[in-house]
Amino acid sequence: MPQINVTVDWPDGQTTATVSENPITVPAANGATVIKWTRGVNVASFAISGLAAGEFNPSDSNGQGPNFTTNDSNNNTTSYTYTVTAVHTSGKTSSHDPEIENGS
């Protein structure tokens, strides 16, 4: 199964964390795909929530951690939003809602 790797970063001077690919593009030709998020610059930990159940397994990270992996069935052409809640190394927290584009 192909894998897409992305990072959750909190660049210096920014008020929120970002994901290195937004949207995460999952080509239709990939079929089912693993998506792995890893903490990056200035991120102590992060949580992923709100992934569509049935399309993504698991659909959330079940709390904060240094990485998270899900299986994307990638069986339709749809854009999905999800929530990333990141904790900066200073202790600040931010949330934002990036996207995943399946079947592109």
N, C-alpha and C. Protein backbone atom coordinates (compact mmCIF):
# COMPACT_ATOMS: atom_id res chain seq x y z
N MET A 1 0.85 -1.17 0.00
CA MET A 1 0.00 0.00 0.00
C MET A 1 0.90 1.24 0.00
N PRO A 2 0.67 2.19 -0.91
CA PRO A 2 1.50 3.41 -0.92
C PRO A 2 1.32 4.21 0.37
N GLN A 3 2.32 5.01 0.71
CA GLN A 3 2.25 5.84 1.91
C GLN A 3 2.56 7.29 1.55
N ILE A 4 1.80 8.20 2.14
CA ILE A 4 2.05 9.63 2.02
C ILE A 4 2.47 10.13 3.38
N ASN A 5 3.63 10.79 3.45
CA ASN A 5 4.15 11.32 4.72
C ASN A 5 4.00 12.83 4.73
N VAL A 6 3.44 13.35 5.82
CA VAL A 6 3.32 14.80 6.01
C VAL A 6 3.78 15.14 7.41
N THR A 7 4.11 16.41 7.62
CA THR A 7 4.53 16.85 8.95
C THR A 7 3.62 17.96 9.44
N VAL A 8 3.48 18.01 10.75
CA VAL A 8 2.78 19.11 11.43
C VAL A 8 3.88 20.00 11.98
N ASP A 9 3.97 21.22 11.43
CA ASP A 9 4.99 22.19 11.82
C ASP A 9 4.33 23.42 12.44
N TRP A 10 5.10 24.13 13.25
CA TRP A 10 4.65 25.42 13.79
C TRP A 10 5.79 26.40 13.55
N PRO A 11 5.84 26.98 12.35
CA PRO A 11 6.97 27.85 11.98
C PRO A 11 7.10 29.04 12.93
N ASP A 12 8.34 29.46 13.17
CA ASP A 12 8.60 30.63 14.01
C ASP A 12 7.80 31.82 13.50
N GLY A 13 7.20 32.56 14.43
CA GLY A 13 6.46 33.76 14.07
C GLY A 13 5.02 33.53 13.66
N GLN A 14 4.59 32.26 13.52
CA GLN A 14 3.20 32.00 13.15
C GLN A 14 2.38 31.70 14.39
N THR A 15 1.08 32.01 14.32
CA THR A 15 0.21 31.82 15.47
C THR A 15 -0.45 30.45 15.51
N THR A 16 -0.33 29.68 14.43
CA THR A 16 -0.92 28.35 14.40
C THR A 16 0.03 27.36 13.73
N ALA A 17 -0.23 26.10 13.97
CA ALA A 17 0.52 25.04 13.30
C ALA A 17 0.02 24.88 11.87
N THR A 18 0.82 24.25 11.04
CA THR A 18 0.45 23.97 9.65
C THR A 18 0.77 22.51 9.33
N VAL A 19 0.17 22.01 8.26
CA VAL A 19 0.48 20.67 7.76
C VAL A 19 1.25 20.86 6.46
N SER A 20 2.32 20.09 6.26
CA SER A 20 3.22 20.30 5.12
C SER A 20 2.52 20.15 3.77
N GLU A 21 1.42 19.41 3.71
CA GLU A 21 0.60 19.33 2.50
C GLU A 21 -0.83 19.66 2.86
N ASN A 22 -1.35 20.72 2.30
CA ASN A 22 -2.74 21.08 2.52
C ASN A 22 -3.29 21.66 1.24
N PRO A 23 -4.06 20.86 0.50
CA PRO A 23 -4.57 19.55 0.89
C PRO A 23 -3.56 18.43 0.67
N ILE A 24 -3.77 17.34 1.36
CA ILE A 24 -3.03 16.11 1.07
C ILE A 24 -3.71 15.51 -0.16
N THR A 25 -2.95 15.34 -1.22
CA THR A 25 -3.49 14.83 -2.48
C THR A 25 -3.22 13.33 -2.57
N VAL A 26 -4.30 12.55 -2.69
CA VAL A 26 -4.20 11.10 -2.77
C VAL A 26 -4.65 10.69 -4.18
N PRO A 27 -3.71 10.35 -5.06
CA PRO A 27 -4.08 10.00 -6.44
C PRO A 27 -4.99 8.78 -6.51
N ALA A 28 -5.95 8.83 -7.42
CA ALA A 28 -6.87 7.69 -7.61
C ALA A 28 -6.10 6.42 -7.93
N ALA A 29 -5.02 6.56 -8.70
CA ALA A 29 -4.22 5.39 -9.11
C ALA A 29 -3.58 4.68 -7.92
N ASN A 30 -3.44 5.37 -6.79
CA ASN A 30 -2.85 4.75 -5.59
C ASN A 30 -3.74 3.67 -5.02
N GLY A 31 -5.06 3.80 -5.18
CA GLY A 31 -5.97 2.93 -4.45
C GLY A 31 -5.83 3.21 -2.97
N ALA A 32 -6.07 2.22 -2.14
CA ALA A 32 -5.95 2.40 -0.69
C ALA A 32 -4.54 2.89 -0.36
N THR A 33 -4.46 3.88 0.53
CA THR A 33 -3.20 4.56 0.82
C THR A 33 -3.07 4.80 2.32
N VAL A 34 -1.86 4.68 2.83
CA VAL A 34 -1.55 5.03 4.21
C VAL A 34 -1.15 6.50 4.25
N ILE A 35 -1.70 7.24 5.20
CA ILE A 35 -1.28 8.63 5.42
C ILE A 35 -0.67 8.69 6.82
N LYS A 36 0.55 9.23 6.89
CA LYS A 36 1.25 9.33 8.17
C LYS A 36 1.63 10.78 8.43
N TRP A 37 1.17 11.29 9.58
CA TRP A 37 1.54 12.62 10.05
C TRP A 37 2.61 12.45 11.11
N THR A 38 3.62 13.32 11.10
CA THR A 38 4.70 13.31 12.07
C THR A 38 4.91 14.73 12.59
N ARG A 39 5.25 14.86 13.86
CA ARG A 39 5.49 16.21 14.39
C ARG A 39 6.77 16.76 13.78
N GLY A 40 6.76 18.07 13.56
CA GLY A 40 7.89 18.74 12.95
C GLY A 40 8.36 19.89 13.83
N VAL A 41 8.80 20.94 13.18
CA VAL A 41 9.41 22.10 13.83
C VAL A 41 8.48 22.70 14.89
N ASN A 42 8.99 22.86 16.09
CA ASN A 42 8.33 23.53 17.22
C ASN A 42 7.05 22.84 17.70
N VAL A 43 6.79 21.61 17.30
CA VAL A 43 5.58 20.90 17.72
C VAL A 43 5.96 19.85 18.76
N ALA A 44 5.39 19.99 19.97
CA ALA A 44 5.64 19.01 21.03
C ALA A 44 4.81 17.75 20.81
N SER A 45 3.55 17.94 20.39
CA SER A 45 2.65 16.83 20.10
C SER A 45 1.47 17.36 19.30
N PHE A 46 0.67 16.45 18.76
CA PHE A 46 -0.53 16.87 18.04
C PHE A 46 -1.55 15.75 18.08
N ALA A 47 -2.78 16.11 17.78
CA ALA A 47 -3.88 15.14 17.68
C ALA A 47 -4.60 15.37 16.36
N ILE A 48 -5.09 14.29 15.77
CA ILE A 48 -5.90 14.34 14.55
C ILE A 48 -7.29 13.84 14.92
N SER A 49 -8.31 14.57 14.49
CA SER A 49 -9.69 14.14 14.73
C SER A 49 -10.56 14.53 13.55
N GLY A 50 -11.74 13.94 13.50
CA GLY A 50 -12.72 14.33 12.49
C GLY A 50 -12.56 13.70 11.12
N LEU A 51 -11.67 12.69 10.98
CA LEU A 51 -11.59 11.99 9.70
C LEU A 51 -12.87 11.18 9.50
N ALA A 52 -13.33 11.09 8.28
CA ALA A 52 -14.58 10.39 7.98
C ALA A 52 -14.46 8.90 8.30
N ALA A 53 -15.26 8.44 9.25
CA ALA A 53 -15.29 7.02 9.58
C ALA A 53 -15.80 6.26 8.37
N GLY A 54 -15.23 5.11 8.12
CA GLY A 54 -15.58 4.34 6.94
C GLY A 54 -14.63 4.58 5.79
N GLU A 55 -14.11 5.80 5.69
CA GLU A 55 -13.11 6.12 4.66
C GLU A 55 -11.71 6.01 5.25
N PHE A 56 -11.56 6.40 6.52
CA PHE A 56 -10.27 6.41 7.20
C PHE A 56 -10.35 5.51 8.43
N ASN A 57 -9.31 4.68 8.61
CA ASN A 57 -9.28 3.78 9.75
C ASN A 57 -7.88 3.73 10.34
N PRO A 58 -7.69 4.22 11.56
CA PRO A 58 -8.67 4.82 12.45
C PRO A 58 -9.03 6.24 12.00
N SER A 59 -10.15 6.76 12.54
CA SER A 59 -10.62 8.08 12.14
C SER A 59 -10.14 9.20 13.06
N ASP A 60 -9.42 8.86 14.11
CA ASP A 60 -8.77 9.88 14.95
C ASP A 60 -7.60 9.26 15.70
N SER A 61 -6.76 10.13 16.24
CA SER A 61 -5.53 9.67 16.89
C SER A 61 -5.73 9.28 18.35
N ASN A 62 -6.94 9.48 18.88
CA ASN A 62 -7.22 9.11 20.26
C ASN A 62 -6.27 9.82 21.23
N GLY A 63 -6.07 11.12 21.02
CA GLY A 63 -5.24 11.92 21.92
C GLY A 63 -3.97 12.41 21.25
N GLN A 64 -3.19 13.16 22.03
CA GLN A 64 -1.95 13.77 21.55
C GLN A 64 -0.83 12.74 21.41
N GLY A 65 0.04 12.96 20.45
CA GLY A 65 1.18 12.09 20.26
C GLY A 65 2.17 12.68 19.28
N PRO A 66 3.29 11.98 19.00
CA PRO A 66 4.31 12.48 18.09
C PRO A 66 4.05 12.11 16.63
N ASN A 67 3.14 11.14 16.38
CA ASN A 67 2.80 10.78 15.01
C ASN A 67 1.46 10.07 15.00
N PHE A 68 0.89 9.94 13.80
CA PHE A 68 -0.39 9.27 13.64
C PHE A 68 -0.46 8.72 12.23
N THR A 69 -0.95 7.49 12.11
CA THR A 69 -1.08 6.82 10.81
C THR A 69 -2.51 6.33 10.65
N THR A 70 -3.07 6.55 9.45
CA THR A 70 -4.39 6.04 9.14
C THR A 70 -4.39 5.38 7.77
N ASN A 71 -5.30 4.45 7.56
CA ASN A 71 -5.50 3.84 6.24
C ASN A 71 -6.65 4.56 5.56
N ASP A 72 -6.39 5.10 4.39
CA ASP A 72 -7.38 5.82 3.58
C ASP A 72 -7.85 4.86 2.49
N SER A 73 -9.13 4.49 2.49
CA SER A 73 -9.62 3.55 1.47
C SER A 73 -9.58 4.16 0.07
N ASN A 74 -9.62 5.49 -0.03
CA ASN A 74 -9.45 6.20 -1.31
C ASN A 74 -10.32 5.58 -2.41
N ASN A 75 -11.58 5.35 -2.07
CA ASN A 75 -12.46 4.69 -3.03
C ASN A 75 -13.47 5.62 -3.70
N ASN A 76 -13.25 6.92 -3.58
CA ASN A 76 -14.10 7.89 -4.26
C ASN A 76 -13.35 9.20 -4.46
N THR A 77 -13.88 10.08 -5.27
CA THR A 77 -13.28 11.39 -5.51
C THR A 77 -14.00 12.39 -4.62
N THR A 78 -13.40 12.68 -3.47
CA THR A 78 -14.04 13.53 -2.47
C THR A 78 -12.97 14.31 -1.71
N SER A 79 -13.33 15.53 -1.28
CA SER A 79 -12.47 16.30 -0.38
C SER A 79 -12.99 16.12 1.04
N TYR A 80 -12.09 15.84 1.95
CA TYR A 80 -12.42 15.66 3.35
C TYR A 80 -11.68 16.70 4.18
N THR A 81 -12.33 17.21 5.22
CA THR A 81 -11.64 18.05 6.19
C THR A 81 -11.44 17.23 7.46
N TYR A 82 -10.45 17.63 8.23
CA TYR A 82 -10.16 17.01 9.51
C TYR A 82 -9.56 18.09 10.39
N THR A 83 -9.40 17.82 11.65
CA THR A 83 -8.87 18.81 12.59
C THR A 83 -7.52 18.35 13.13
N VAL A 84 -6.56 19.29 13.11
CA VAL A 84 -5.26 19.08 13.73
C VAL A 84 -5.20 20.01 14.94
N THR A 85 -4.98 19.45 16.11
CA THR A 85 -4.78 20.24 17.32
C THR A 85 -3.34 20.02 17.76
N ALA A 86 -2.54 21.08 17.64
CA ALA A 86 -1.10 20.97 17.92
C ALA A 86 -0.73 21.72 19.19
N VAL A 87 0.26 21.18 19.89
CA VAL A 87 0.83 21.84 21.06
C VAL A 87 2.24 22.28 20.70
N HIS A 88 2.49 23.59 20.79
CA HIS A 88 3.80 24.18 20.53
C HIS A 88 4.75 23.78 21.66
N THR A 89 6.03 23.77 21.40
CA THR A 89 7.01 23.44 22.44
C THR A 89 6.94 24.41 23.61
N SER A 90 6.36 25.60 23.41
CA SER A 90 6.19 26.57 24.51
C SER A 90 4.95 26.29 25.34
N GLY A 91 4.09 25.37 24.87
CA GLY A 91 2.87 25.04 25.58
C GLY A 91 1.61 25.61 24.96
N LYS A 92 1.74 26.54 24.00
CA LYS A 92 0.56 27.09 23.31
C LYS A 92 -0.11 25.98 22.51
N THR A 93 -1.42 26.12 22.31
CA THR A 93 -2.19 25.15 21.53
C THR A 93 -2.92 25.86 20.40
N SER A 94 -3.01 25.20 19.26
CA SER A 94 -3.81 25.74 18.14
C SER A 94 -4.49 24.60 17.42
N SER A 95 -5.60 24.92 16.77
CA SER A 95 -6.32 23.95 15.95
C SER A 95 -6.61 24.56 14.60
N HIS A 96 -6.58 23.74 13.57
CA HIS A 96 -7.01 24.18 12.24
C HIS A 96 -7.52 22.98 11.46
N ASP A 97 -8.20 23.25 10.36
CA ASP A 97 -8.90 22.21 9.61
C ASP A 97 -8.37 22.11 8.18
N PRO A 98 -7.29 21.36 7.97
CA PRO A 98 -6.79 21.14 6.61
C PRO A 98 -7.66 20.13 5.86
N GLU A 99 -7.26 19.78 4.63
CA GLU A 99 -8.06 18.89 3.79
C GLU A 99 -7.25 17.72 3.24
N ILE A 100 -7.99 16.69 2.86
CA ILE A 100 -7.46 15.55 2.11
C ILE A 100 -8.30 15.45 0.85
N GLU A 101 -7.66 15.37 -0.31
CA GLU A 101 -8.38 15.22 -1.57
C GLU A 101 -8.14 13.81 -2.12
N ASN A 102 -9.15 12.98 -2.03
CA ASN A 102 -9.06 11.62 -2.54
C ASN A 102 -9.39 11.58 -4.02
N GLY A 103 -8.75 10.65 -4.72
CA GLY A 103 -9.09 10.39 -6.10
C GLY A 103 -8.72 11.49 -7.07
N SER A 104 -7.70 12.26 -6.72
CA SER A 104 -7.32 13.38 -7.59
C SER A 104 -6.39 12.93 -8.70
